[in-house]
Protein backbone atom coordinates (compact mmCIF):
# COMPACT_ATOMS: atom_id res chain seq x y z
CA MET A 1 126.95 175.38 71.41
CA LEU A 2 128.48 176.34 74.73
CA ALA A 3 125.06 175.93 76.35
CA LEU A 4 124.91 172.32 75.23
CA VAL A 5 128.01 171.58 77.39
CA THR A 6 126.17 172.65 80.58
CA PHE A 7 125.47 168.97 81.48
CA LYS A 8 129.21 169.11 82.52
CA PRO A 9 129.20 172.56 84.13
CA GLN A 10 132.82 172.18 85.17
CA LEU A 11 133.79 172.50 81.53
CA VAL A 12 131.77 175.72 81.02
CA PHE A 13 132.60 178.09 83.99
CA PRO A 14 136.20 178.92 82.91
CA VAL A 15 135.00 179.69 79.34
CA LEU A 16 132.34 181.97 80.73
CA LEU A 17 134.98 183.70 82.82
CA ALA A 18 137.09 184.16 79.66
CA LEU A 19 134.12 185.67 77.89
CA VAL A 20 133.53 188.02 80.78
CA ALA A 21 137.22 189.06 80.68
CA MET A 22 136.88 189.71 77.02
CA ARG A 23 133.59 191.59 77.47
CA LYS A 24 131.67 189.33 75.09
CA TRP A 25 128.34 190.46 76.42
CA LYS A 26 126.22 189.41 73.39
CA THR A 27 127.75 185.96 73.52
CA LEU A 28 126.95 185.68 77.24
CA ILE A 29 123.34 186.88 76.64
CA ALA A 30 122.97 184.19 73.85
CA PHE A 31 124.44 181.59 76.28
CA GLY A 32 121.89 182.46 78.98
CA THR A 33 118.96 182.41 76.37
CA ALA A 34 120.08 178.98 75.14
CA CYS A 35 120.35 177.67 78.78
CA LEU A 36 116.82 178.76 79.51
CA LEU A 37 115.54 177.00 76.33
CA LEU A 38 117.45 173.84 77.34
CA PHE A 39 116.02 174.16 80.83
CA GLY A 40 112.54 174.25 79.42
CA ILE A 41 113.28 171.23 77.27
CA SER A 42 114.50 169.36 80.31
CA VAL A 43 111.48 170.13 82.28
CA GLY A 44 109.29 168.95 79.49
CA ILE A 45 111.13 165.62 79.16
CA VAL A 46 111.76 164.68 82.88
CA GLY A 47 109.61 167.08 84.80
CA TRP A 48 110.39 169.88 87.35
CA ARG A 49 111.46 167.62 90.19
CA ALA A 50 114.10 165.68 88.29
CA THR A 51 115.43 168.85 86.58
CA LEU A 52 115.76 170.86 89.86
CA THR A 53 117.38 168.10 91.79
CA TYR A 54 120.00 167.21 89.25
CA PRO A 55 122.61 169.39 90.81
CA ARG A 56 122.05 167.62 94.19
CA ALA A 57 122.34 164.23 92.44
CA VAL A 58 125.72 165.25 91.02
CA ILE A 59 126.95 166.39 94.42
CA GLU A 60 125.77 163.13 96.02
CA PHE A 61 127.62 161.11 93.32
CA SER A 62 130.84 162.98 93.97
CA GLN A 63 130.65 161.91 97.52
CA LEU A 64 130.35 158.26 96.82
CA ASP A 65 133.23 155.99 97.50
CA GLY A 66 135.03 154.61 94.42
CA SER A 67 134.70 151.04 95.61
CA ILE A 68 130.93 151.30 95.18
CA GLY A 69 130.81 153.03 91.80
CA GLY A 70 131.82 156.54 92.84
CA GLU A 71 134.67 158.74 91.71
CA HIS A 72 138.28 157.93 91.52
CA PRO A 73 140.05 161.24 91.95
CA GLU A 74 143.48 159.57 91.85
CA HIS A 75 142.76 158.70 88.29
CA MET A 76 141.92 162.26 87.19
CA PRO A 77 144.66 164.07 85.26
CA ASN A 78 143.38 167.52 86.64
CA LEU A 79 144.35 169.58 89.67
CA ARG A 80 142.08 167.77 91.97
CA GLY A 81 143.60 164.36 90.98
CA PHE A 82 147.14 165.67 91.25
CA LEU A 83 146.49 167.03 94.79
CA THR A 84 144.80 163.79 95.79
CA VAL A 85 148.00 161.74 94.74
CA SER A 86 150.67 164.26 95.82
CA LEU A 87 149.34 165.59 99.15
CA PRO A 88 150.16 163.60 102.36
CA SER A 89 147.39 161.32 103.52
CA GLN A 90 147.33 163.17 106.88
CA ILE A 91 145.85 166.28 105.27
CA SER A 92 142.12 166.17 105.68
CA SER A 93 139.71 166.37 102.73
CA VAL A 94 138.60 169.77 103.77
CA ALA A 95 142.20 171.08 103.62
CA GLN A 96 142.65 169.45 100.20
CA THR A 97 139.60 171.17 98.97
CA ARG A 98 140.82 174.57 100.19
CA ILE A 99 144.29 174.05 98.58
CA ALA A 100 142.51 173.01 95.28
CA LEU A 101 140.31 176.11 95.42
CA ILE A 102 143.33 178.44 95.92
CA ALA A 103 145.23 176.82 93.09
CA THR A 104 142.23 176.88 90.94
CA ALA A 105 141.64 180.61 91.63
CA ALA A 106 145.32 181.33 90.80
CA LEU A 107 145.10 179.58 87.46
CA LEU A 108 141.89 181.35 86.53
CA LEU A 109 143.21 184.69 87.47
CA ALA A 110 146.36 184.14 85.38
CA MET A 111 143.95 183.27 82.45
CA VAL A 112 141.94 186.42 82.97
CA PHE A 113 145.02 188.53 83.26
CA ARG A 114 146.27 187.24 79.90
CA LEU A 115 142.91 187.80 78.24
CA ARG A 116 141.64 191.04 79.80
CA ARG A 117 142.84 193.34 76.87
CA SER A 118 141.65 190.98 74.11
CA ARG A 119 138.47 191.43 72.01
CA GLN A 120 138.77 188.27 70.07
CA PHE A 121 139.97 184.69 70.68
CA SER A 122 143.27 183.97 68.89
CA PRO A 123 144.02 180.25 68.17
CA ILE A 124 146.52 180.34 71.08
CA SER A 125 144.42 182.10 73.53
CA TYR A 126 141.48 179.77 72.82
CA SER A 127 143.90 176.83 73.36
CA LEU A 128 145.01 178.35 76.65
CA VAL A 129 141.39 178.56 77.85
CA LEU A 130 140.55 175.04 76.94
CA THR A 131 143.77 173.72 78.57
CA ILE A 132 143.11 175.60 81.80
CA THR A 133 139.47 174.49 81.80
CA LEU A 134 140.48 170.87 81.88
CA LEU A 135 143.19 171.45 84.48
CA VAL A 136 140.73 173.13 86.91
CA SER A 137 137.74 170.94 86.24
CA TYR A 138 136.51 169.23 89.30
CA HIS A 139 135.56 166.00 87.46
CA ALA A 140 137.67 164.91 84.55
CA TYR A 141 139.11 161.54 83.52
CA LEU A 142 141.55 160.71 80.81
CA HIS A 143 138.85 160.39 78.23
CA ASP A 144 137.77 163.96 78.94
CA PHE A 145 141.28 165.11 77.95
CA ALA A 146 140.56 164.13 74.36
CA LEU A 147 139.26 167.66 74.22
CA LEU A 148 142.92 168.67 74.01
CA VAL A 149 143.00 167.43 70.40
CA LEU A 150 141.50 170.85 69.42
CA PRO A 151 144.07 172.96 71.26
CA CYS A 152 146.82 170.74 69.96
CA THR A 153 145.57 171.10 66.39
CA LEU A 154 145.24 174.94 66.74
CA THR A 155 148.63 175.15 68.26
CA ALA A 156 150.26 173.05 65.55
CA ASP A 157 148.67 175.27 62.93
CA TYR A 158 150.01 178.35 64.64
CA LEU A 159 153.54 176.87 64.90
CA LEU A 160 153.53 176.11 61.20
CA GLN A 161 152.60 179.63 60.20
CA SER A 162 154.72 181.76 62.60
CA LYS A 163 158.42 182.24 63.07
CA TRP A 164 159.97 179.34 64.87
CA THR A 165 161.67 179.98 68.29
CA MET A 166 162.86 177.78 71.21
CA LEU A 167 159.62 178.49 72.92
CA HIS A 168 157.76 176.95 69.95
CA THR A 169 159.99 173.97 70.18
CA GLY A 170 158.84 173.47 73.78
CA VAL A 171 155.10 173.74 72.82
CA ALA A 172 155.62 171.20 70.00
CA ALA A 173 157.31 168.76 72.34
CA ILE A 174 154.44 169.08 74.85
CA VAL A 175 151.82 168.58 72.08
CA ALA A 176 153.69 165.48 70.92
CA ALA A 177 153.74 164.14 74.49
CA PHE A 178 150.01 164.14 74.60
CA TYR A 179 149.85 161.48 71.88
CA VAL A 180 152.55 159.27 73.58
CA ILE A 181 151.61 159.30 77.31
CA PRO A 182 148.13 157.64 76.89
CA VAL A 183 149.61 154.62 74.97
CA ALA A 184 152.76 154.19 77.09
CA PRO A 185 152.73 151.20 79.43
CA SER A 186 151.96 152.62 82.80
CA SER A 187 149.39 152.55 85.62
CA MET A 188 146.25 154.68 85.47
CA LYS A 189 147.39 156.82 88.39
CA ALA A 190 150.88 157.43 86.82
CA THR A 191 149.33 158.19 83.39
CA ALA A 192 147.00 160.75 85.04
CA VAL A 193 149.90 162.46 86.76
CA GLN A 194 151.92 162.57 83.56
CA MET A 195 148.98 163.99 81.71
CA PHE A 196 148.43 166.69 84.34
CA ALA A 197 152.13 167.63 84.33
CA THR A 198 152.13 167.82 80.49
CA ALA A 199 148.90 169.92 80.36
CA SER A 200 150.31 172.30 83.04
CA LEU A 201 153.40 172.84 80.93
CA LEU A 202 151.37 173.38 77.87
CA ALA A 203 149.28 176.01 79.74
CA VAL A 204 152.48 177.81 80.92
CA LEU A 205 153.92 177.84 77.42
CA LEU A 206 150.65 178.90 75.80
CA TRP A 207 150.44 181.76 78.31
CA MET A 208 153.94 182.89 77.22
CA VAL A 209 153.15 182.52 73.51
CA THR A 210 149.74 184.16 73.49
CA GLU A 211 149.76 187.37 71.59
CA LYS A 212 147.04 189.84 70.57
CA PRO A 213 145.00 188.49 67.66
CA GLU A 214 146.16 191.17 65.30
CA THR A 215 149.87 190.34 65.87
CA ILE A 216 149.62 186.66 65.10
CA ARG A 217 150.91 185.70 61.72
CA ARG A 218 148.27 184.04 59.67
């Protein structure tokens, strides 16, 4: 199933990193095998040339100006979009990219630190991985954040079956905000920033709530 997501590789890499941190070698081997199979299917459908040049086509698209059908980073509720909106215009695109890479590395290292002793995904740790995946994804719009429905559902289930604390109250408020922000009257840019801020808070709270699978009350 994870291999089927590789047409959007930015949504796969953080999950692979989590699997490495948790030493899920059989899962990683299965992922690689499935990717090889899908690669062969792609070659059979569109040929070698189109398959091998797909990464270059994606890079070229990311360099197009938004006015001619390219990307609109300012409308992305991820780390890239937030930096595009918040950093001064005097900062060059190269500097913005470096800042984004440093922040991305910090978030991924925090995720690995939290998962490194785990052998299984708990509902909360899985939610943490998906949330950070969307935050660090290079290309993600508001509709991509519909993937947060799964972490929100898993988190709600956890909250209902474990002892309630103030930390849980914070997580519940963040989850509720995800369903309010997209329908609130606001510009696309403002909505993207609000969604990024909410997802960042969710990641912090999930990082704090995450426990070893055997200690989670089920």
